[in-house]
Amino acid sequence: MAERKLDQVAADARLVHTTSLEVDESALTGESLPVGKHTEQLTATTPPAERGTMIFAGTALPPV
């Protein structure tokens, strides 16, 4: 099995510009597939788990 190096996200951050970014959030959610991120405006009532405009500390960015 080939090993890939992933970059860890050091701190929570809000995305202001991105194109086709996917983040491995398995450390937080247990999901096995990467989650797509975007910069579309959200409502104030959007739960943290559904905030596609945020990346969270401890998650991983795939290599470029």
C-alpha atoms as a PDB file:
ATOM      1  CA  MET A   1       0.000   0.000   0.000  1.00  0.00           C
ATOM      2  CA  ALA A   2       1.383   3.393  -0.981  1.00  0.00           C
ATOM      3  CA  GLU A   3       1.645   6.005   1.736  1.00  0.00           C
ATOM      4  CA  ARG A   4       0.609   9.626   1.084  1.00  0.00           C
ATOM      5  CA  LYS A   5       1.774  12.519   3.181  1.00  0.00           C
ATOM      6  CA  LEU A   6      -1.038  14.832   4.264  1.00  0.00           C
ATOM      7  CA  ASP A   7      -0.604  18.385   5.570  1.00  0.00           C
ATOM      8  CA  GLN A   8      -2.303  18.959   8.927  1.00  0.00           C
ATOM      9  CA  VAL A   9      -4.453  22.048   9.440  1.00  0.00           C
ATOM     10  CA  ALA A  10      -2.845  23.916  12.369  1.00  0.00           C
ATOM     11  CA  ALA A  11      -5.817  26.070  13.414  1.00  0.00           C
ATOM     12  CA  ASP A  12      -9.487  26.612  12.617  1.00  0.00           C
ATOM     13  CA  ALA A  13      -9.915  28.937   9.630  1.00  0.00           C
ATOM     14  CA  ARG A  14     -12.640  30.399   7.428  1.00  0.00           C
ATOM     15  CA  LEU A  15     -12.101  30.065   3.684  1.00  0.00           C
ATOM     16  CA  VAL A  16     -12.377  33.247   1.627  1.00  0.00           C
ATOM     17  CA  HIS A  17     -11.278  31.810  -1.734  1.00  0.00           C
ATOM     18  CA  THR A  18     -10.905  28.231  -2.898  1.00  0.00           C
ATOM     19  CA  THR A  19     -11.418  26.064  -5.955  1.00  0.00           C
ATOM     20  CA  SER A  20     -12.157  22.354  -5.594  1.00  0.00           C
ATOM     21  CA  LEU A  21     -10.676  21.938  -2.106  1.00  0.00           C
ATOM     22  CA  GLU A  22     -11.351  18.689  -0.265  1.00  0.00           C
ATOM     23  CA  VAL A  23     -10.366  18.059   3.367  1.00  0.00           C
ATOM     24  CA  ASP A  24      -9.942  14.785   5.247  1.00  0.00           C
ATOM     25  CA  GLU A  25     -12.082  15.346   8.361  1.00  0.00           C
ATOM     26  CA  SER A  26     -11.978  11.719   9.529  1.00  0.00           C
ATOM     27  CA  ALA A  27     -10.199  12.748  12.749  1.00  0.00           C
ATOM     28  CA  LEU A  28     -13.292  14.787  13.693  1.00  0.00           C
ATOM     29  CA  THR A  29     -16.200  12.975  12.087  1.00  0.00           C
ATOM     30  CA  GLY A  30     -15.012   9.445  11.368  1.00  0.00           C
ATOM     31  CA  GLU A  31     -16.075   9.763   7.728  1.00  0.00           C
ATOM     32  CA  SER A  32     -13.855   7.854   5.323  1.00  0.00           C
ATOM     33  CA  LEU A  33     -14.179  10.202   2.334  1.00  0.00           C
ATOM     34  CA  PRO A  34     -12.812  13.748   1.989  1.00  0.00           C
ATOM     35  CA  VAL A  35     -15.315  16.598   2.365  1.00  0.00           C
ATOM     36  CA  GLY A  36     -15.641  19.304  -0.306  1.00  0.00           C
ATOM     37  CA  LYS A  37     -15.232  22.917   0.843  1.00  0.00           C
ATOM     38  CA  HIS A  38     -16.602  26.150  -0.632  1.00  0.00           C
ATOM     39  CA  THR A  39     -16.822  29.897   0.025  1.00  0.00           C
ATOM     40  CA  GLU A  40     -20.585  30.395  -0.362  1.00  0.00           C
ATOM     41  CA  GLN A  41     -22.287  32.517   2.302  1.00  0.00           C
ATOM     42  CA  LEU A  42     -23.980  30.600   5.145  1.00  0.00           C
ATOM     43  CA  THR A  43     -26.787  31.519   7.512  1.00  0.00           C
ATOM     44  CA  ALA A  44     -26.122  32.205  11.200  1.00  0.00           C
ATOM     45  CA  THR A  45     -28.005  29.025  12.117  1.00  0.00           C
ATOM     46  CA  THR A  46     -25.848  26.648  10.059  1.00  0.00           C
ATOM     47  CA  PRO A  47     -24.491  23.989  12.460  1.00  0.00           C
ATOM     48  CA  PRO A  48     -20.664  23.783  12.728  1.00  0.00           C
ATOM     49  CA  ALA A  49     -20.577  20.317  11.152  1.00  0.00           C
ATOM     50  CA  GLU A  50     -22.237  21.690   8.005  1.00  0.00           C
ATOM     51  CA  ARG A  51     -20.082  24.782   7.561  1.00  0.00           C
ATOM     52  CA  GLY A  52     -18.393  24.079   4.268  1.00  0.00           C
ATOM     53  CA  THR A  53     -16.588  27.416   4.497  1.00  0.00           C
ATOM     54  CA  MET A  54     -14.489  26.296   7.479  1.00  0.00           C
ATOM     55  CA  ILE A  55     -11.462  24.064   7.912  1.00  0.00           C
ATOM     56  CA  PHE A  56     -10.700  22.768  11.373  1.00  0.00           C
ATOM     57  CA  ALA A  57      -7.504  22.110  13.357  1.00  0.00           C
ATOM     58  CA  GLY A  58      -6.443  18.481  13.267  1.00  0.00           C
ATOM     59  CA  THR A  59      -7.949  17.778   9.850  1.00  0.00           C
ATOM     60  CA  ALA A  60      -5.754  17.026   6.845  1.00  0.00           C
ATOM     61  CA  LEU A  61      -5.273  18.596   3.426  1.00  0.00           C
ATOM     62  CA  PRO A  62      -4.367  16.185   0.602  1.00  0.00           C
ATOM     63  CA  PRO A  63      -1.036  16.717  -1.171  1.00  0.00           C
ATOM     64  CA  VAL A  64      -1.062  18.998  -4.204  1.00  0.00           C
END
